[in-house]
Amino acid sequence: LFINPPAMANAEVNALLEEGSTTRIPGFHMPLGLIELSAYLRSKHDNLDIRIIDMGKDLYLVYKEILLNKERQSLPTSVEEFLIERLDTIDFQPDIVGISILYTSSHNLSKNLIGKVKAKWHDAMICCGGNHATNYYSQLLSDSRIDFVVRGEAELSFSALISEIKKGNENFEISGIIDRKRLENDAVDSSPLVQNLDEIPMPAYDLLDLDAYKNEQESN
């Protein structure tokens, strides 16, 4: 399961959901990195069930409903309620939950999200990636709920991680996959890059509701 959290800060999302404040528009973008990674993983591994929750898009749709529905009936009224509602749309038990933290503004909300993920799926491994995670890996790994951080592009390293997990191997060293042991040993190199871009298939657009991105003017 891959999750794209909103770019808005936790306090701003609170103001939107709890107070109905619409002064800040929650922009969003198609999570191209996640659908490209998903396509690559599908090409390398059989029998992968991959899902994506784009909470940035979902938050914008809630914002639109708040504008239209001043009584805010059936809408989430807190960050916690919003996060839980989105997680409850998933009907399977994920082995790995990958959280794409692109923006530093998402840090606190992502930590909040991780708590909800662990409460729902106790045994799921938590892996963080994205620009923010690449640069703030040590801060993220100070949270015992986070198992791994991916530094840099994830295609090769995350695919290798899946292979090791499938084999039941808990003692592995993969460039770009940072855990607390590798952090202690200062083995924090970034992931290698795919050299032949033709190895990356077309993005897995089927994992998204494309109409939401085509029709909303706030989508980048």
Protein backbone atom coordinates (compact mmCIF):
# COMPACT_ATOMS: atom_id res chain seq x y z
CA LEU A 1 0.00 0.00 0.00
CA PHE A 2 1.37 3.40 -1.01
CA ILE A 3 0.07 6.58 0.61
CA ASN A 4 0.55 10.11 -0.67
CA PRO A 5 -0.20 12.44 2.29
CA PRO A 6 -1.43 16.02 1.82
CA ALA A 7 1.22 18.68 1.31
CA MET A 8 -0.55 20.92 3.85
CA ALA A 9 0.75 21.11 7.40
CA ASN A 10 -1.12 19.25 10.12
CA ALA A 11 -2.29 22.53 11.71
CA GLU A 12 -3.66 23.79 8.39
CA VAL A 13 -5.56 20.56 7.79
CA ASN A 14 -6.94 20.89 11.33
CA ALA A 15 -8.14 24.41 10.56
CA LEU A 16 -9.88 23.17 7.42
CA LEU A 17 -11.57 20.14 8.96
CA GLU A 18 -12.30 21.31 12.52
CA GLU A 19 -13.08 24.99 11.87
CA GLY A 20 -14.18 24.88 8.25
CA SER A 21 -11.49 27.43 7.32
CA THR A 22 -11.19 27.65 3.54
CA THR A 23 -8.59 30.43 3.35
CA ARG A 24 -5.92 27.93 2.25
CA ILE A 25 -6.75 25.81 -0.79
CA PRO A 26 -5.26 22.29 -0.48
CA GLY A 27 -3.58 21.88 -3.85
CA PHE A 28 -2.62 18.41 -5.03
CA HIS A 29 -0.80 16.66 -7.84
CA MET A 30 -0.92 13.29 -9.50
CA PRO A 31 1.52 11.04 -7.57
CA LEU A 32 3.59 10.20 -10.63
CA GLY A 33 6.46 8.81 -8.58
CA LEU A 34 4.19 6.24 -6.95
CA ILE A 35 2.50 5.08 -10.15
CA GLU A 36 5.85 4.84 -11.94
CA LEU A 37 7.29 2.84 -9.03
CA SER A 38 4.19 0.62 -8.98
CA ALA A 39 4.55 -0.12 -12.69
CA TYR A 40 8.22 -1.04 -12.23
CA LEU A 41 7.45 -3.33 -9.29
CA ARG A 42 4.72 -5.08 -11.27
CA SER A 43 7.21 -5.74 -14.06
CA LYS A 44 9.69 -7.37 -11.65
CA HIS A 45 7.42 -9.27 -9.24
CA ASP A 46 4.46 -11.58 -9.70
CA ASN A 47 1.34 -11.52 -7.56
CA LEU A 48 1.78 -8.05 -6.08
CA ASP A 49 -1.40 -6.38 -4.86
CA ILE A 50 -0.62 -2.67 -5.00
CA ARG A 51 -3.01 0.08 -3.92
CA ILE A 52 -2.55 3.83 -3.68
CA ILE A 53 -4.33 6.31 -1.41
CA ASP A 54 -3.83 9.87 -2.61
CA MET A 55 -4.78 11.85 0.48
CA GLY A 56 -3.80 15.12 -1.17
CA LYS A 57 -6.52 14.65 -3.76
CA ASP A 58 -8.95 13.36 -1.14
CA LEU A 59 -8.40 16.42 1.06
CA TYR A 60 -9.11 18.75 -1.85
CA LEU A 61 -12.39 16.95 -2.52
CA VAL A 62 -13.32 17.43 1.15
CA TYR A 63 -12.44 21.14 0.79
CA LYS A 64 -14.82 21.40 -2.16
CA GLU A 65 -17.59 19.76 -0.16
CA ILE A 66 -17.03 22.18 2.72
CA LEU A 67 -17.51 25.08 0.30
CA LEU A 68 -20.77 23.57 -0.95
CA ASN A 69 -22.07 22.09 2.29
CA LYS A 70 -21.91 24.68 5.07
CA GLU A 71 -23.50 22.23 7.52
CA ARG A 72 -20.66 19.80 6.69
CA GLN A 73 -22.87 16.76 6.96
CA SER A 74 -21.04 13.42 6.63
CA LEU A 75 -17.67 15.17 6.29
CA PRO A 76 -14.66 14.48 8.55
CA THR A 77 -14.29 17.06 11.30
CA SER A 78 -10.72 16.30 12.39
CA VAL A 79 -7.41 15.16 10.94
CA GLU A 80 -7.76 11.87 12.82
CA GLU A 81 -11.20 11.20 11.37
CA PHE A 82 -10.01 12.03 7.86
CA LEU A 83 -6.99 9.72 8.10
CA ILE A 84 -8.99 6.82 9.53
CA GLU A 85 -11.71 7.19 6.89
CA ARG A 86 -9.16 7.03 4.10
CA LEU A 87 -7.39 3.98 5.57
CA ASP A 88 -10.74 2.23 5.97
CA THR A 89 -11.16 2.25 2.18
CA ILE A 90 -8.49 -0.47 1.97
CA ASP A 91 -9.93 -3.99 2.09
CA PHE A 92 -6.76 -6.05 2.52
CA GLN A 93 -3.90 -6.45 4.98
CA PRO A 94 -0.79 -4.78 3.52
CA ASP A 95 2.61 -6.27 4.27
CA ILE A 96 4.33 -2.95 3.54
CA VAL A 97 2.95 0.56 3.80
CA GLY A 98 5.03 3.07 1.87
CA ILE A 99 4.49 6.72 2.74
CA SER A 100 5.70 9.29 0.22
CA ILE A 101 6.78 12.36 2.18
CA LEU A 102 7.71 14.83 -0.53
CA TYR A 103 7.36 18.03 1.49
CA THR A 104 8.66 19.02 4.91
CA SER A 105 5.26 20.59 5.56
CA SER A 106 3.86 17.03 5.56
CA HIS A 107 6.19 15.79 8.32
CA ASN A 108 3.89 16.09 11.34
CA LEU A 109 0.80 14.91 9.49
CA SER A 110 2.76 11.93 8.16
CA LYS A 111 3.81 11.00 11.71
CA ASN A 112 0.15 11.25 12.70
CA LEU A 113 -0.73 9.01 9.76
CA ILE A 114 1.88 6.42 10.75
CA GLY A 115 0.22 6.09 14.15
CA LYS A 116 -3.12 5.36 12.48
CA VAL A 117 -1.52 2.85 10.11
CA LYS A 118 0.12 0.92 12.96
CA ALA A 119 -3.11 0.94 14.96
CA LYS A 120 -4.98 -0.60 12.01
CA TRP A 121 -2.28 -2.95 10.67
CA HIS A 122 0.02 -3.87 13.58
CA ASP A 123 2.31 -6.13 11.57
CA ALA A 124 2.75 -3.93 8.51
CA MET A 125 6.25 -2.63 7.80
CA ILE A 126 6.42 1.14 7.48
CA CYS A 127 8.72 2.55 4.81
CA CYS A 128 9.06 6.28 4.12
CA GLY A 129 10.36 7.79 0.91
CA GLY A 130 10.28 11.02 -1.06
CA ASN A 131 12.34 14.22 -0.98
CA HIS A 132 11.76 14.96 2.71
CA ALA A 133 12.51 11.38 3.78
CA THR A 134 15.68 11.32 1.67
CA ASN A 135 17.08 14.30 3.56
CA TYR A 136 15.58 13.77 7.04
CA TYR A 137 16.09 10.01 7.29
CA SER A 138 17.75 10.17 10.71
CA GLN A 139 14.89 12.17 12.23
CA LEU A 140 12.33 9.77 10.80
CA LEU A 141 14.20 6.67 12.01
CA SER A 142 14.18 8.06 15.55
CA ASP A 143 10.49 7.03 15.46
CA SER A 144 10.43 3.32 16.35
CA ARG A 145 7.25 2.82 14.30
CA ILE A 146 9.18 3.45 11.06
CA ASP A 147 11.10 0.40 9.81
CA PHE A 148 12.89 1.78 6.75
CA VAL A 149 13.58 4.95 4.84
CA VAL A 150 14.31 4.90 1.11
CA ARG A 151 16.88 7.48 0.08
CA GLY A 152 16.64 8.64 -3.52
CA GLU A 153 14.85 6.91 -6.38
CA ALA A 154 13.14 3.76 -5.18
CA GLU A 155 12.79 1.46 -8.20
CA LEU A 156 15.87 -0.74 -7.68
CA SER A 157 16.15 -0.55 -3.90
CA PHE A 158 12.46 -1.07 -3.11
CA SER A 159 12.27 -3.94 -5.57
CA ALA A 160 15.24 -5.54 -3.82
CA LEU A 161 13.53 -5.01 -0.46
CA ILE A 162 10.43 -6.84 -1.67
CA SER A 163 12.60 -9.74 -2.87
CA GLU A 164 14.25 -10.07 0.55
CA ILE A 165 10.93 -9.92 2.36
CA LYS A 166 9.50 -12.60 0.08
CA LYS A 167 12.46 -14.84 0.97
CA GLY A 168 11.88 -14.20 4.67
CA ASN A 169 15.34 -12.72 4.99
CA GLU A 170 15.60 -10.22 7.85
CA ASN A 171 19.37 -9.68 7.58
CA PHE A 172 20.02 -7.80 4.38
CA GLU A 173 21.88 -4.76 3.21
CA ILE A 174 20.42 -2.86 0.28
CA SER A 175 21.83 0.41 -0.98
CA GLY A 176 19.32 3.15 -0.33
CA ILE A 177 17.26 1.18 2.22
CA ILE A 178 18.15 2.70 5.58
CA ASP A 179 17.16 1.18 8.91
CA ARG A 180 18.43 1.94 12.41
CA LYS A 181 21.31 -0.56 12.15
CA ARG A 182 22.59 0.96 8.90
CA LEU A 183 22.13 4.43 10.37
CA GLU A 184 24.33 3.51 13.35
CA ASN A 185 27.00 2.24 10.94
CA ASP A 186 26.73 5.38 8.80
CA ALA A 187 25.72 3.22 5.81
CA VAL A 188 23.32 5.79 4.44
CA ASP A 189 24.08 5.76 0.72
CA SER A 190 21.31 6.68 -1.71
CA SER A 191 19.56 4.19 -3.96
CA PRO A 192 21.16 3.37 -7.31
CA LEU A 193 19.45 4.68 -10.43
CA VAL A 194 17.91 2.69 -13.26
CA GLN A 195 20.38 3.25 -16.08
CA ASN A 196 18.14 2.15 -18.94
CA LEU A 197 14.91 4.14 -18.69
CA ASP A 198 13.24 1.74 -21.13
CA GLU A 199 13.13 -0.72 -18.21
CA ILE A 200 10.51 1.49 -16.54
CA PRO A 201 7.05 0.71 -17.97
CA MET A 202 4.30 3.25 -18.52
CA PRO A 203 2.96 4.50 -15.17
CA ALA A 204 0.23 2.41 -13.52
CA TYR A 205 -2.57 4.89 -14.16
CA ASP A 206 -5.11 2.17 -13.36
CA LEU A 207 -4.30 2.64 -9.65
CA LEU A 208 -5.77 6.17 -9.67
CA ASP A 209 -9.13 7.79 -10.33
CA LEU A 210 -7.91 9.85 -13.26
CA ASP A 211 -11.06 11.96 -13.52
CA ALA A 212 -10.17 13.69 -10.25
CA TYR A 213 -6.92 14.98 -11.76
CA LYS A 214 -8.37 15.92 -15.14
CA ASN A 215 -11.31 17.89 -13.78
CA GLU A 216 -9.91 19.79 -10.79
CA GLN A 217 -8.23 23.12 -11.44
CA GLU A 218 -6.12 22.89 -8.26
CA SER A 219 -4.40 19.75 -9.50
CA ASN A 220 -0.87 20.33 -10.78
